[in-house]
Amino acid sequence: MDCKKCNRPLEPVAAALTRKIVGPQATEVLCLACLAAKFGTTERRLLDAARRYRDGGCVLFQGLDLG
């Protein structure tokens, strides 16, 4: 699967973040860079959020390499 905006291959964490932040009804999945731009943040802050979700037990982030 590729980013809907820039066509780069999607990282699994980007798909999980899209489902968590936008919701399961999201029709487009963005890469980390495009997701960060959309929400006015940085990729690092998104990855930090993903770590918090994983550490909090969210199953969307279990087993993902978050760097």
Protein backbone atom coordinates (compact mmCIF):
# COMPACT_ATOMS: atom_id res chain seq x y z
CA MET A 1 0.00 0.00 0.00
CA ASP A 2 1.23 3.50 -0.81
CA CYS A 3 0.64 6.95 0.65
CA LYS A 4 -2.48 8.50 -0.84
CA LYS A 5 -0.74 11.89 -1.17
CA CYS A 6 2.89 11.25 -2.22
CA ASN A 7 2.74 7.59 -3.33
CA ARG A 8 5.63 6.47 -1.10
CA PRO A 9 5.35 3.00 0.41
CA LEU A 10 3.55 3.10 3.75
CA GLU A 11 5.20 2.24 7.02
CA PRO A 12 3.05 -0.05 9.19
CA VAL A 13 3.13 2.57 11.95
CA ALA A 14 1.64 5.16 9.57
CA ALA A 15 -1.35 2.91 8.88
CA ALA A 16 -1.80 2.30 12.62
CA LEU A 17 -1.56 6.02 13.42
CA THR A 18 -4.08 6.86 10.72
CA ARG A 19 -6.56 4.39 12.20
CA LYS A 20 -5.91 5.67 15.73
CA ILE A 21 -5.94 9.43 14.99
CA VAL A 22 -8.36 9.71 12.06
CA GLY A 23 -10.44 6.66 12.92
CA PRO A 24 -11.19 3.25 11.49
CA GLN A 25 -13.39 4.87 8.84
CA ALA A 26 -10.37 6.63 7.26
CA THR A 27 -10.46 6.17 3.50
CA GLU A 28 -6.94 7.42 2.80
CA VAL A 29 -3.76 6.39 4.55
CA LEU A 30 -0.79 8.76 4.60
CA CYS A 31 2.91 8.14 5.21
CA LEU A 32 4.48 9.58 8.36
CA ALA A 33 5.72 12.71 6.56
CA CYS A 34 2.33 13.51 5.01
CA LEU A 35 0.47 12.63 8.22
CA ALA A 36 2.74 14.99 10.17
CA ALA A 37 2.16 17.77 7.65
CA LYS A 38 -1.61 17.23 7.75
CA PHE A 39 -1.70 17.61 11.53
CA GLY A 40 0.98 20.32 11.81
CA THR A 41 3.44 18.21 13.79
CA THR A 42 6.64 16.26 13.25
CA GLU A 43 7.32 12.63 12.42
CA ARG A 44 9.17 12.33 15.73
CA ARG A 45 6.13 13.48 17.70
CA LEU A 46 3.96 10.99 15.82
CA LEU A 47 6.39 8.18 16.63
CA ASP A 48 6.43 9.29 20.29
CA ALA A 49 2.62 9.12 20.28
CA ALA A 50 2.77 5.65 18.71
CA ARG A 51 5.13 4.51 21.49
CA ARG A 52 2.72 5.84 24.11
CA TYR A 53 -0.19 4.04 22.45
CA ARG A 54 1.83 0.79 22.27
CA ASP A 55 2.99 1.10 25.88
CA GLY A 56 -0.60 1.79 26.88
CA GLY A 57 -1.68 -1.49 25.35
CA CYS A 58 -3.24 -0.38 22.05
CA VAL A 59 -3.26 -3.48 19.85
CA LEU A 60 -2.79 -1.42 16.67
CA PHE A 61 0.81 -0.80 17.69
CA GLN A 62 1.78 -4.18 19.17
CA GLY A 63 4.76 -5.72 17.40
CA LEU A 64 5.60 -2.63 15.35
CA ASP A 65 9.18 -1.38 15.14
CA LEU A 66 8.99 2.21 16.34
CA GLY A 67 12.72 2.94 16.19
